[in-house]
Amino acid sequence: MADTGQKYRKLPGRRRGFVFSSSLWTGADHLLLVRSTRFQEQYKRFYFRDIQAIVITKVPRLVISTPMLAVALILLIGVLIVRVRVPALTGWGWLLLAALAAGWIYVSTARSCTCRLYTAVSREDLPSLYRMWTARKALAELERKIAQVQGVFTQDWAEAADLRALGPVDAASYPAAADSRSAVGRRRTWVSDIFLASLFADAVVTMLEMRTPSAWLANVSVTLTVVQIATAIWIFVQRHRGILRTGMQRLAIVALLFIGGITYAQMIGDAVDAAFAGKRGPLAVRARARSGVVLPIYSGGAALLAVAGFVLSFKPE
């Protein structure tokens, strides 16, 4: 009841997923972390006087937010409509989609991070801060709030951090257990190598199929897609066993979503073509998940995913 009149101010950054979302809010004397799903909301409060450190680590984050997915779908539908109405502009539409995908890959691999807050009794990830520019803005505002309560840190912070353990005592005493399996897992295995090779090969085969349509090229592409799905599932198993790190698992999730999205894109394209051709009645579902309408998107997307996986596999520690 004492907090009824509490006023909160939202910090920069918000994680909007298909089911999960997260945001940060500042009150008069504390930071409020809000996690929500479709069915419930969770709140965690961290008083400024208790915060020991906020650590930002630059790592690849393959995050697909709901607003970004909506923009991509709108652009895809627009390109499919332009393909029928103004065929001369179709190439520019594909170029725009490719630029959007390339920008997402670049931001995900080079401008992303994780953010973690430490107190004497807890260590909490802050999911809403997953891009470097957003994390820096939020950290600058939090620094002012914490400095008003704890004062300004005048010593060498790096030396002080070495002398003083941050977070819970058990986490400081057992860093390997605190870092969980993601710290000891490998960046790549033979399964992930096959997964990336199949993506790159599928991109090349699809590009050849666009130039010279052939039944055997289509069958090779379908076979490579089956390999991608099988290796993606095995990547999940290796991640569960602690063999692989989280980055490759997230790339596998994105690849599976991409394959499913291409299937729906084909259905939308077929429906648009049938509507403009004046056809009525139900449409036949194609056995192959890719038609001529979405071949350029699939080829470019598979190539970008393969490049992202290559970066995750060989990026220096």
Protein backbone atom coordinates (compact mmCIF):
# COMPACT_ATOMS: atom_id res chain seq x y z
CA MET A 1 0.00 0.00 0.00
CA ALA A 2 2.92 2.33 0.62
CA ASP A 3 3.96 2.04 -3.06
CA THR A 4 0.57 3.06 -4.46
CA GLY A 5 1.83 6.51 -5.44
CA GLN A 6 5.14 5.24 -6.87
CA LYS A 7 6.02 6.79 -10.23
CA TYR A 8 8.09 4.78 -12.66
CA ARG A 9 10.10 5.84 -15.70
CA LYS A 10 10.85 3.36 -18.47
CA LEU A 11 14.50 2.81 -19.36
CA PRO A 12 15.61 2.46 -23.00
CA GLY A 13 15.20 -1.00 -24.44
CA ARG A 14 12.41 -3.53 -24.57
CA ARG A 15 12.43 -7.20 -25.52
CA ARG A 16 9.30 -8.12 -27.48
CA GLY A 17 9.14 -11.76 -28.49
CA PHE A 18 6.33 -14.00 -29.69
CA VAL A 19 5.48 -15.01 -26.13
CA PHE A 20 8.05 -13.44 -23.84
CA SER A 21 8.71 -9.72 -23.25
CA SER A 22 10.84 -7.78 -20.80
CA SER A 23 11.43 -4.16 -19.81
CA LEU A 24 13.18 -2.06 -17.15
CA TRP A 25 11.70 0.77 -15.09
CA THR A 26 13.25 3.12 -12.53
CA GLY A 27 11.45 4.20 -9.36
CA ALA A 28 12.50 6.67 -6.70
CA ASP A 29 14.98 4.31 -5.03
CA HIS A 30 14.97 1.06 -7.02
CA LEU A 31 15.12 -0.59 -10.43
CA LEU A 32 12.13 -2.70 -11.48
CA LEU A 33 12.55 -5.63 -13.88
CA VAL A 34 9.31 -6.71 -15.58
CA ARG A 35 9.07 -10.08 -17.33
CA SER A 36 5.79 -11.00 -18.96
CA THR A 37 4.32 -13.83 -20.98
CA ARG A 38 0.88 -14.23 -22.46
CA PHE A 39 -0.42 -15.51 -19.13
CA GLN A 40 1.51 -13.84 -16.32
CA GLU A 41 3.86 -11.05 -15.29
CA GLN A 42 6.81 -11.21 -12.91
CA TYR A 43 8.35 -8.27 -11.10
CA LYS A 44 11.78 -8.03 -9.47
CA ARG A 45 12.98 -5.02 -7.51
CA PHE A 46 16.63 -4.02 -7.07
CA TYR A 47 17.34 -1.11 -4.74
CA PHE A 48 20.02 1.26 -5.98
CA ARG A 49 21.87 0.98 -2.68
CA ASP A 50 22.23 -2.81 -3.17
CA ILE A 51 23.50 -2.87 -6.77
CA GLN A 52 27.17 -3.87 -6.87
CA ALA A 53 27.80 -3.91 -10.61
CA ILE A 54 26.13 -4.00 -14.03
CA VAL A 55 28.19 -5.94 -16.57
CA ILE A 56 27.71 -5.55 -20.35
CA THR A 57 29.32 -8.27 -22.49
CA LYS A 58 29.53 -7.94 -26.26
CA VAL A 59 28.31 -11.24 -27.78
CA PRO A 60 26.28 -12.25 -30.88
CA ARG A 61 22.51 -12.25 -30.23
CA LEU A 62 20.21 -13.61 -32.93
CA VAL A 63 17.03 -12.01 -31.63
CA ILE A 64 13.90 -11.74 -33.79
CA SER A 65 11.52 -9.23 -32.26
CA THR A 66 7.82 -9.09 -33.08
CA PRO A 67 7.99 -5.57 -34.66
CA MET A 68 10.86 -6.63 -36.92
CA LEU A 69 9.03 -9.77 -38.01
CA ALA A 70 5.94 -7.69 -38.79
CA VAL A 71 7.98 -5.29 -40.94
CA ALA A 72 9.59 -8.20 -42.80
CA LEU A 73 6.21 -9.81 -43.50
CA ILE A 74 4.72 -6.51 -44.72
CA LEU A 75 7.68 -6.00 -47.08
CA LEU A 76 7.39 -9.59 -48.32
CA ILE A 77 3.67 -9.22 -49.06
CA GLY A 78 4.41 -5.88 -50.76
CA VAL A 79 7.06 -7.48 -52.97
CA LEU A 80 4.68 -10.28 -53.96
CA ILE A 81 2.02 -7.75 -54.93
CA VAL A 82 4.53 -5.60 -56.84
CA ARG A 83 5.71 -8.72 -58.67
CA VAL A 84 2.25 -9.08 -60.20
CA ARG A 85 1.34 -5.41 -60.62
CA VAL A 86 4.69 -3.79 -61.50
CA PRO A 87 7.17 -6.54 -62.45
CA ALA A 88 9.89 -4.01 -63.30
CA LEU A 89 10.19 -3.03 -59.61
CA THR A 90 10.41 -6.57 -58.28
CA GLY A 91 14.22 -6.55 -58.24
CA TRP A 92 14.25 -3.45 -56.02
CA GLY A 93 11.88 -5.19 -53.61
CA TRP A 94 14.17 -8.21 -53.32
CA LEU A 95 17.12 -5.86 -52.84
CA LEU A 96 15.30 -4.09 -49.99
CA LEU A 97 14.53 -7.41 -48.28
CA ALA A 98 18.13 -8.55 -48.72
CA ALA A 99 19.39 -5.28 -47.22
CA LEU A 100 17.06 -5.73 -44.24
CA ALA A 101 18.32 -9.29 -43.67
CA ALA A 102 21.96 -8.20 -44.04
CA GLY A 103 21.44 -5.37 -41.55
CA TRP A 104 19.89 -7.77 -39.03
CA ILE A 105 22.80 -10.20 -39.41
CA TYR A 106 25.33 -7.40 -38.90
CA VAL A 107 23.58 -5.98 -35.83
CA SER A 108 23.07 -9.45 -34.36
CA THR A 109 26.73 -10.42 -34.70
CA ALA A 110 28.60 -7.12 -34.19
CA ARG A 111 26.36 -4.81 -32.16
CA SER A 112 24.68 -7.11 -29.64
CA CYS A 113 25.37 -7.91 -26.00
CA THR A 114 24.19 -9.47 -22.78
CA CYS A 115 23.62 -7.41 -19.65
CA ARG A 116 23.80 -8.75 -16.10
CA LEU A 117 23.12 -7.07 -12.75
CA TYR A 118 24.88 -8.12 -9.53
CA THR A 119 23.87 -7.64 -5.92
CA ALA A 120 25.24 -9.32 -2.81
CA VAL A 121 22.57 -12.05 -2.97
CA SER A 122 21.60 -12.33 -6.63
CA ARG A 123 22.78 -12.23 -10.20
CA GLU A 124 20.11 -11.32 -12.74
CA ASP A 125 20.14 -11.10 -16.54
CA LEU A 126 18.45 -8.04 -18.06
CA PRO A 127 16.85 -9.37 -21.30
CA SER A 128 15.63 -5.99 -22.56
CA LEU A 129 19.23 -4.78 -23.00
CA TYR A 130 20.48 -6.90 -25.89
CA ARG A 131 21.81 -4.19 -28.25
CA MET A 132 24.95 -2.21 -27.41
CA TRP A 133 23.51 1.27 -28.01
CA THR A 134 20.45 0.56 -25.87
CA ALA A 135 22.54 -0.91 -23.05
CA ARG A 136 24.83 2.12 -23.00
CA LYS A 137 21.90 4.54 -22.80
CA ALA A 138 20.28 2.57 -19.98
CA LEU A 139 23.59 2.23 -18.13
CA ALA A 140 24.26 5.98 -18.32
CA GLU A 141 20.89 6.70 -16.72
CA LEU A 142 21.35 4.02 -14.07
CA GLU A 143 24.80 5.38 -13.21
CA ARG A 144 23.28 8.71 -12.27
CA LYS A 145 20.65 7.06 -10.11
CA ILE A 146 23.13 4.80 -8.33
CA ALA A 147 25.64 7.62 -7.83
CA GLN A 148 22.98 9.67 -6.02
CA VAL A 149 22.60 6.85 -3.48
CA GLN A 150 26.05 5.26 -3.27
CA GLY A 151 28.23 8.19 -4.28
CA VAL A 152 30.79 8.41 -7.07
CA PHE A 153 33.38 5.63 -7.37
CA THR A 154 36.80 7.32 -7.21
CA GLN A 155 39.13 4.28 -7.06
CA ASP A 156 40.40 2.19 -9.92
CA TRP A 157 37.29 0.11 -10.59
CA ALA A 158 39.18 -2.71 -12.34
CA GLU A 159 41.50 -3.17 -9.37
CA ALA A 160 38.60 -2.98 -6.92
CA ALA A 161 36.67 -5.61 -8.90
CA ASP A 162 39.65 -7.99 -8.61
CA LEU A 163 39.81 -7.52 -4.84
CA ARG A 164 36.09 -7.84 -4.19
CA ALA A 165 33.84 -10.70 -5.27
CA LEU A 166 30.64 -9.64 -7.02
CA GLY A 167 27.30 -11.36 -6.68
CA PRO A 168 26.40 -14.31 -4.47
CA VAL A 169 29.19 -16.03 -2.57
CA ASP A 170 28.62 -19.40 -4.25
CA ALA A 171 28.84 -17.81 -7.70
CA ALA A 172 32.14 -16.14 -6.79
CA SER A 173 33.56 -19.33 -5.29
CA TYR A 174 32.57 -21.55 -8.20
CA PRO A 175 32.83 -19.50 -11.40
CA ALA A 176 32.58 -22.54 -13.64
CA ALA A 177 29.21 -23.54 -12.18
CA ALA A 178 27.99 -19.94 -12.15
CA ASP A 179 28.76 -19.51 -15.84
CA SER A 180 26.80 -22.71 -16.61
CA ARG A 181 27.28 -24.83 -19.68
CA SER A 182 27.52 -21.90 -22.10
CA ALA A 183 31.02 -21.04 -20.82
CA VAL A 184 32.48 -24.53 -21.34
CA GLY A 185 30.65 -25.46 -24.54
CA ARG A 186 32.34 -25.30 -27.92
CA ARG A 187 31.49 -22.83 -30.64
CA ARG A 188 31.34 -25.51 -33.35
CA THR A 189 31.14 -29.27 -33.81
CA TRP A 190 30.96 -31.54 -36.85
CA VAL A 191 27.16 -31.35 -36.62
CA SER A 192 27.15 -27.55 -36.77
CA ASP A 193 29.66 -27.69 -39.65
CA ILE A 194 27.31 -29.94 -41.64
CA PHE A 195 24.41 -27.63 -40.77
CA LEU A 196 26.26 -24.55 -42.08
CA ALA A 197 27.56 -26.38 -45.14
CA SER A 198 24.02 -27.50 -46.04
CA LEU A 199 22.77 -23.92 -45.72
CA PHE A 200 25.49 -22.59 -48.01
CA ALA A 201 25.04 -25.43 -50.51
CA ASP A 202 21.27 -24.88 -50.52
CA ALA A 203 21.79 -21.18 -51.27
CA VAL A 204 24.03 -22.05 -54.24
CA VAL A 205 21.68 -24.77 -55.55
CA THR A 206 18.68 -22.46 -55.27
CA MET A 207 20.56 -19.75 -57.16
CA LEU A 208 21.33 -22.24 -59.94
CA GLU A 209 17.71 -23.34 -59.95
CA MET A 210 16.62 -19.72 -60.50
CA ARG A 211 18.83 -19.51 -63.61
CA THR A 212 18.15 -22.97 -65.05
CA PRO A 213 15.09 -24.66 -63.52
CA SER A 214 15.61 -28.39 -63.18
CA ALA A 215 13.88 -31.23 -61.38
CA TRP A 216 17.12 -32.71 -60.03
CA LEU A 217 18.20 -29.34 -58.62
CA ALA A 218 14.84 -29.10 -56.88
CA ASN A 219 15.31 -32.56 -55.38
CA VAL A 220 18.84 -31.66 -54.20
CA SER A 221 17.45 -28.54 -52.54
CA VAL A 222 14.76 -30.56 -50.75
CA THR A 223 17.40 -33.06 -49.57
CA LEU A 224 19.56 -30.23 -48.21
CA THR A 225 16.54 -28.83 -46.36
CA VAL A 226 15.99 -32.21 -44.71
CA VAL A 227 19.66 -32.22 -43.69
CA GLN A 228 19.26 -28.74 -42.19
CA ILE A 229 16.25 -29.79 -40.12
CA ALA A 230 17.96 -32.98 -38.90
CA THR A 231 21.22 -31.24 -37.95
CA ALA A 232 19.31 -28.39 -36.29
CA ILE A 233 17.56 -30.93 -34.05
CA TRP A 234 20.91 -32.54 -33.23
CA ILE A 235 22.33 -29.10 -32.41
CA PHE A 236 19.55 -28.75 -29.80
CA VAL A 237 20.64 -32.09 -28.33
CA GLN A 238 24.29 -31.03 -28.20
CA ARG A 239 23.36 -27.74 -26.58
CA HIS A 240 21.31 -29.60 -23.95
CA ARG A 241 24.32 -31.78 -23.21
CA GLY A 242 26.60 -28.75 -22.86
CA ILE A 243 28.67 -29.56 -25.94
CA LEU A 244 27.68 -26.47 -27.95
CA ARG A 245 27.18 -22.89 -26.86
CA THR A 246 23.94 -20.98 -27.10
CA GLY A 247 24.81 -19.02 -30.25
CA MET A 248 24.64 -21.98 -32.63
CA GLN A 249 21.39 -23.17 -31.05
CA ARG A 250 19.82 -19.77 -31.65
CA LEU A 251 21.01 -19.80 -35.24
CA ALA A 252 19.37 -23.22 -35.69
CA ILE A 253 16.11 -21.83 -34.27
CA VAL A 254 16.25 -18.89 -36.70
CA ALA A 255 16.91 -21.29 -39.60
CA LEU A 256 13.90 -23.44 -38.71
CA LEU A 257 11.71 -20.35 -38.43
CA PHE A 258 13.05 -19.18 -41.78
CA ILE A 259 12.21 -22.49 -43.46
CA GLY A 260 8.70 -22.40 -42.00
CA GLY A 261 8.29 -18.76 -43.01
CA ILE A 262 9.27 -19.57 -46.59
CA THR A 263 6.51 -22.19 -46.68
CA TYR A 264 3.94 -19.61 -45.63
CA ALA A 265 5.42 -17.09 -48.07
CA GLN A 266 4.87 -19.59 -50.89
CA MET A 267 1.24 -20.02 -49.83
CA ILE A 268 0.75 -16.24 -49.76
CA GLY A 269 2.40 -15.89 -53.18
CA ASP A 270 0.22 -18.61 -54.68
CA ALA A 271 -2.87 -16.99 -53.22
CA VAL A 272 -1.92 -13.56 -54.63
CA ASP A 273 -1.21 -15.02 -58.09
CA ALA A 274 -4.51 -16.92 -58.05
CA ALA A 275 -6.42 -13.82 -56.94
CA PHE A 276 -5.02 -11.64 -59.73
CA ALA A 277 -5.60 -14.46 -62.25
CA GLY A 278 -9.26 -14.61 -61.24
CA LYS A 279 -9.14 -18.22 -60.04
CA ARG A 280 -11.64 -19.43 -57.49
CA GLY A 281 -11.75 -22.38 -55.16
CA PRO A 282 -9.17 -23.97 -52.85
CA LEU A 283 -5.48 -23.89 -53.77
CA ALA A 284 -3.37 -27.03 -53.93
CA VAL A 285 -0.56 -27.18 -51.38
CA ARG A 286 2.77 -27.78 -53.10
CA ALA A 287 4.94 -30.65 -52.06
CA ARG A 288 8.07 -28.48 -52.20
CA ALA A 289 8.35 -25.65 -49.74
CA ARG A 290 9.81 -23.20 -52.29
CA SER A 291 8.34 -21.93 -55.53
CA GLY A 292 9.68 -19.46 -58.08
CA VAL A 293 8.08 -16.60 -56.16
CA VAL A 294 10.29 -16.98 -53.10
CA LEU A 295 13.44 -18.53 -54.56
CA PRO A 296 15.47 -15.27 -54.37
CA ILE A 297 14.45 -14.77 -50.73
CA TYR A 298 15.40 -18.32 -49.82
CA SER A 299 18.75 -18.19 -51.58
CA GLY A 300 19.74 -14.90 -49.96
CA GLY A 301 18.43 -15.88 -46.54
CA ALA A 302 20.23 -19.22 -46.52
CA ALA A 303 23.47 -17.53 -47.55
CA LEU A 304 23.15 -14.90 -44.79
CA LEU A 305 22.43 -17.58 -42.18
CA ALA A 306 25.50 -19.51 -43.33
CA VAL A 307 27.65 -16.37 -43.03
CA ALA A 308 26.25 -15.68 -39.54
CA GLY A 309 27.04 -19.26 -38.52
CA PHE A 310 30.58 -18.92 -39.88
CA VAL A 311 31.06 -15.78 -37.75
CA LEU A 312 29.72 -17.58 -34.65
CA SER A 313 31.96 -20.59 -35.27
CA PHE A 314 35.26 -18.78 -35.76
CA LYS A 315 34.83 -15.53 -33.84
CA PRO A 316 37.76 -15.03 -31.41
CA GLU A 317 37.09 -15.41 -27.68
